[in-house]
């Protein structure tokens, strides 16, 4: 449902006549903040409330359902960003939206809106191993979509500690850091001990049997002795990137 100026005036006239209660007017205006598609109710007020438009989690949705949401967001002059998009669905969407960019490693898609965000804030994304890269790139693309300057550092896990020290000049001045790590999940604590900014730890499901699909890394990160480290869910690159983006943008506002 959408309302325009005429609809709002009609509601106010009905309220003044006593045909509607104040609660009825509020309910109808709140309903107007969504636009229905055959498969979704798109929250077009998200950018106003939360700073960024609704993000589409593409897994489990058809390409048609995703396209419908994107059409609504484009009509509202908003950016489109989707995560966990498979290559076959991406091909369909790229044919429909020529301005779209798809990252096959991150499985993200971005269609820029008419008013690009002025870049601000610095987010660095670090991986412990090469196998963590898909989750890390999801975080990277998310922070980039939010208008942050981004940098990716790969394969600097604790098995070769000299590699992280060599990269220290590239992350020590970041506003927020995302660290993606599987196995025992030790790298975020080590990174946290070198910097003064928040470190968002993202456990990945990479590892052998006793890593329990990322649970061991998650527990290690939750128990980090570095006070500036916090953790998100297993393989949740989007959540890690989003939190880092919010933090980085706040440092320059």
Protein backbone atom coordinates (compact mmCIF):
# COMPACT_ATOMS: atom_id res chain seq x y z
CA UNK A 1 0.00 0.00 0.00
CA UNK A 2 1.18 3.53 -0.79
CA UNK A 3 -0.39 6.89 0.08
CA UNK A 4 0.08 10.25 -1.58
CA UNK A 5 -0.83 13.78 -0.42
CA UNK A 6 -4.46 13.33 -1.47
CA UNK A 7 -4.78 10.12 0.57
CA UNK A 8 -3.34 11.81 3.66
CA UNK A 9 -5.79 14.70 3.33
CA UNK A 10 -8.65 12.24 3.02
CA UNK A 11 -7.54 10.52 6.22
CA UNK A 12 -7.32 13.83 8.07
CA UNK A 13 -10.78 14.91 6.86
CA UNK A 14 -12.20 11.57 8.00
CA UNK A 15 -10.53 12.06 11.38
CA UNK A 16 -11.97 15.57 11.75
CA UNK A 17 -15.47 14.30 10.90
CA UNK A 18 -15.16 11.58 13.48
CA UNK A 19 -15.33 8.79 10.89
CA UNK A 20 -11.89 7.52 11.96
CA UNK A 21 -10.15 7.27 15.30
CA UNK A 22 -6.58 8.55 15.68
CA UNK A 23 -5.54 4.90 16.04
CA UNK A 24 -7.09 4.12 12.64
CA UNK A 25 -5.16 6.91 10.96
CA UNK A 26 -1.88 5.74 12.49
CA UNK A 27 -2.55 2.15 11.41
CA UNK A 28 -3.24 3.17 7.80
CA UNK A 29 -0.17 5.43 7.62
CA UNK A 30 2.03 2.67 9.01
CA UNK A 31 0.65 0.24 6.44
CA UNK A 32 1.53 2.76 3.75
CA UNK A 33 5.22 2.34 4.53
CA UNK A 34 5.22 -1.04 2.78
CA UNK A 35 4.68 -1.98 -0.84
CA UNK A 36 3.35 -5.45 -1.54
CA UNK A 37 4.67 -7.71 -4.28
CA UNK A 38 3.34 -11.22 -4.99
CA UNK A 39 5.94 -12.66 -2.59
CA UNK A 40 6.96 -9.89 -0.21
CA UNK A 41 6.02 -6.78 1.72
CA UNK A 42 8.83 -4.35 0.96
CA UNK A 43 9.76 -2.00 3.79
CA UNK A 44 10.24 1.28 1.91
CA UNK A 45 10.63 3.23 5.17
CA UNK A 46 13.74 1.30 6.27
CA UNK A 47 16.18 3.87 4.91
CA UNK A 48 14.40 6.66 6.80
CA UNK A 49 14.33 4.72 10.09
CA UNK A 50 17.64 2.91 9.94
CA UNK A 51 19.81 4.83 7.50
CA UNK A 52 19.94 2.15 4.78
CA UNK A 53 17.28 0.48 2.61
CA UNK A 54 15.99 -3.04 3.11
CA UNK A 55 18.52 -5.68 2.07
CA UNK A 56 17.29 -8.76 0.21
CA UNK A 57 18.39 -12.16 1.48
CA UNK A 58 18.19 -13.95 -1.86
CA UNK A 59 18.61 -17.57 -0.77
CA UNK A 60 15.30 -19.41 -1.07
CA UNK A 61 13.73 -16.73 -3.28
CA UNK A 62 13.13 -17.01 -6.99
CA UNK A 63 14.80 -14.58 -9.37
CA UNK A 64 11.34 -13.19 -10.14
CA UNK A 65 10.61 -12.51 -6.47
CA UNK A 66 13.97 -10.76 -6.04
CA UNK A 67 13.41 -8.68 -9.17
CA UNK A 68 10.01 -7.57 -7.90
CA UNK A 69 11.57 -6.24 -4.69
CA UNK A 70 14.32 -4.49 -6.63
CA UNK A 71 11.74 -2.81 -8.89
CA UNK A 72 9.96 -1.43 -5.81
CA UNK A 73 13.19 -0.08 -4.32
CA UNK A 74 14.22 1.48 -7.62
CA UNK A 75 10.83 3.18 -7.91
CA UNK A 76 11.45 4.60 -4.44
CA UNK A 77 14.83 5.98 -5.55
CA UNK A 78 16.67 3.60 -3.23
CA UNK A 79 19.77 1.44 -3.58
CA UNK A 80 19.29 -2.30 -4.07
CA UNK A 81 21.54 -4.76 -2.28
CA UNK A 82 21.12 -8.52 -2.09
CA UNK A 83 23.09 -11.29 -0.40
CA UNK A 84 23.47 -15.05 -0.94
CA UNK A 85 22.57 -14.82 -4.61
CA UNK A 86 23.40 -17.92 -6.65
CA UNK A 87 25.10 -17.52 -10.06
CA UNK A 88 22.11 -18.78 -12.04
CA UNK A 89 19.75 -16.25 -10.43
CA UNK A 90 22.41 -13.57 -10.78
CA UNK A 91 22.53 -14.15 -14.53
CA UNK A 92 18.80 -13.57 -14.77
CA UNK A 93 18.94 -10.39 -12.69
CA UNK A 94 21.97 -8.98 -14.52
CA UNK A 95 20.04 -9.29 -17.77
CA UNK A 96 17.19 -7.29 -16.26
CA UNK A 97 19.19 -4.67 -14.37
CA UNK A 98 22.07 -3.51 -16.52
CA UNK A 99 23.50 -1.25 -13.79
CA UNK A 100 23.85 -4.15 -11.36
CA UNK A 101 27.19 -5.45 -10.08
CA UNK A 102 27.51 -9.08 -8.99
CA UNK A 103 30.38 -10.45 -6.92
CA UNK A 104 30.37 -14.23 -7.47
CA UNK A 105 32.70 -14.89 -4.52
CA UNK A 106 30.65 -12.84 -2.07
CA UNK A 107 27.37 -13.81 -3.81
CA UNK A 108 26.18 -10.21 -3.49
CA UNK A 109 24.42 -7.96 -5.98
CA UNK A 110 24.26 -4.17 -5.90
CA UNK A 111 22.22 -1.78 -8.01
CA UNK A 112 23.26 1.80 -7.20
CA UNK A 113 20.57 4.38 -6.53
CA UNK A 114 20.37 7.81 -8.16
CA UNK A 115 22.21 9.54 -5.30
CA UNK A 116 25.51 7.81 -4.48
CA UNK A 117 26.65 7.93 -0.86
CA UNK A 118 29.69 10.10 -0.26
CA UNK A 119 32.46 7.66 0.80
CA UNK A 120 33.48 8.02 4.44
CA UNK A 121 34.97 5.84 7.15
CA UNK A 122 37.55 3.09 6.74
CA UNK A 123 36.70 -0.60 7.08
CA UNK A 124 39.34 -3.30 6.76
CA UNK A 125 38.32 -6.93 6.25
CA UNK A 126 40.86 -9.62 7.17
CA UNK A 127 40.76 -13.36 6.57
CA UNK A 128 42.63 -16.03 8.48
CA UNK A 129 42.73 -18.33 5.45
CA UNK A 130 41.85 -18.31 1.78
CA UNK A 131 38.86 -20.55 2.52
CA UNK A 132 37.32 -17.73 4.58
CA UNK A 133 37.29 -15.38 1.61
CA UNK A 134 33.63 -15.79 0.50
CA UNK A 135 32.41 -14.72 3.94
CA UNK A 136 34.98 -11.93 4.06
CA UNK A 137 33.99 -10.60 0.65
CA UNK A 138 30.33 -10.57 1.69
CA UNK A 139 31.40 -8.28 4.55
CA UNK A 140 33.55 -6.21 2.19
CA UNK A 141 30.75 -5.68 -0.35
CA UNK A 142 28.34 -4.77 2.45
CA UNK A 143 30.62 -2.08 3.87
CA UNK A 144 31.28 -0.78 0.36
CA UNK A 145 27.53 -0.58 -0.32
CA UNK A 146 27.18 1.46 2.89
CA UNK A 147 29.62 4.04 1.54
CA UNK A 148 32.79 3.10 3.38
CA UNK A 149 36.33 2.99 2.09
CA UNK A 150 37.23 -0.71 2.19
CA UNK A 151 40.37 -2.82 2.12
CA UNK A 152 40.77 -6.62 2.01
CA UNK A 153 43.70 -8.49 3.57
CA UNK A 154 43.73 -12.25 2.99
CA UNK A 155 45.42 -15.33 4.41
CA UNK A 156 47.17 -13.93 7.51
CA UNK A 157 46.11 -16.52 10.08
CA UNK A 158 47.91 -17.37 13.30
CA UNK A 159 49.80 -20.33 11.80
CA UNK A 160 52.11 -17.73 10.22
CA UNK A 161 52.08 -14.78 12.67
CA UNK A 162 54.69 -12.83 10.71
CA UNK A 163 52.16 -12.35 7.89
CA UNK A 164 49.82 -10.31 10.10
CA UNK A 165 52.64 -8.12 11.39
CA UNK A 166 53.72 -7.39 7.83
CA UNK A 167 50.18 -6.14 7.08
CA UNK A 168 49.80 -4.10 10.28
CA UNK A 169 50.35 -0.71 8.57
CA UNK A 170 47.37 -1.51 6.35
CA UNK A 171 44.86 -2.01 9.17
CA UNK A 172 46.10 -0.22 12.29
CA UNK A 173 44.31 3.05 11.42
CA UNK A 174 40.96 1.48 10.47
CA UNK A 175 37.73 2.77 11.99
CA UNK A 176 36.42 -0.81 12.23
CA UNK A 177 37.84 -4.21 11.32
CA UNK A 178 36.06 -7.40 10.30
CA UNK A 179 38.00 -10.63 10.83
CA UNK A 180 36.70 -13.82 9.20
CA UNK A 181 38.24 -17.01 10.58
CA UNK A 182 37.39 -20.70 10.84
CA UNK A 183 39.26 -23.54 12.55
CA UNK A 184 39.86 -22.40 16.16
CA UNK A 185 38.97 -18.75 15.39
CA UNK A 186 42.01 -17.20 17.08
CA UNK A 187 42.83 -14.40 14.64
CA UNK A 188 40.33 -11.74 15.87
CA UNK A 189 41.91 -11.74 19.34
CA UNK A 190 45.36 -11.25 17.86
CA UNK A 191 44.15 -8.42 15.62
CA UNK A 192 42.32 -6.86 18.57
CA UNK A 193 45.56 -6.71 20.51
CA UNK A 194 47.11 -4.47 17.84
CA UNK A 195 44.39 -1.83 17.34
CA UNK A 196 42.22 0.66 19.19
CA UNK A 197 39.11 0.27 17.01
CA UNK A 198 36.26 -2.26 17.29
CA UNK A 199 36.94 -5.70 15.80
CA UNK A 200 33.93 -7.67 14.55
CA UNK A 201 34.76 -11.36 14.52
CA UNK A 202 32.97 -13.54 11.97
CA UNK A 203 33.37 -17.28 12.55
CA UNK A 204 33.29 -19.33 9.38
CA UNK A 205 32.29 -22.95 8.89
CA UNK A 206 35.77 -23.79 7.52
CA UNK A 207 37.59 -26.52 9.45
CA UNK A 208 37.84 -30.20 10.30
CA UNK A 209 35.33 -32.27 12.25
CA UNK A 210 35.88 -30.89 15.75
CA UNK A 211 35.35 -27.34 14.49
CA UNK A 212 31.65 -28.34 14.36
CA UNK A 213 30.84 -26.22 11.32
CA UNK A 214 32.15 -23.01 12.86
CA UNK A 215 30.89 -23.52 16.41
CA UNK A 216 34.41 -23.91 17.82
CA UNK A 217 35.47 -20.64 16.16
CA UNK A 218 32.36 -18.87 17.45
CA UNK A 219 32.97 -20.00 21.03
CA UNK A 220 36.61 -18.96 20.79
CA UNK A 221 35.62 -15.52 19.56
CA UNK A 222 32.98 -15.08 22.25
CA UNK A 223 35.67 -15.91 24.81
CA UNK A 224 38.22 -13.49 23.35
CA UNK A 225 40.38 -11.80 25.96
CA UNK A 226 40.78 -8.76 23.67
CA UNK A 227 38.22 -6.27 25.02
CA UNK A 228 37.54 -4.66 21.63
CA UNK A 229 36.41 -7.91 19.96
CA UNK A 230 32.77 -8.86 19.50
CA UNK A 231 31.32 -11.74 17.47
CA UNK A 232 28.44 -12.32 15.07
CA UNK A 233 26.87 -15.53 13.79
CA UNK A 234 28.65 -18.26 11.83
CA UNK A 235 29.30 -17.25 8.19
CA UNK A 236 27.44 -13.97 8.79
CA UNK A 237 29.63 -11.80 6.57
CA UNK A 238 26.77 -9.41 5.89
CA UNK A 239 26.14 -8.81 9.60
CA UNK A 240 29.83 -8.26 10.29
CA UNK A 241 30.18 -5.86 7.38
CA UNK A 242 27.01 -3.98 8.29
CA UNK A 243 28.08 -3.42 11.89
CA UNK A 244 31.54 -2.35 10.78
CA UNK A 245 29.98 0.04 8.28
CA UNK A 246 27.74 1.62 10.91
CA UNK A 247 30.70 2.09 13.24
CA UNK A 248 32.96 3.52 10.54
CA UNK A 249 30.34 5.96 9.30
CA UNK A 250 29.67 7.17 12.85
CA UNK A 251 33.33 8.11 13.31
CA UNK A 252 33.04 10.79 10.62
CA UNK A 253 29.53 12.06 11.24
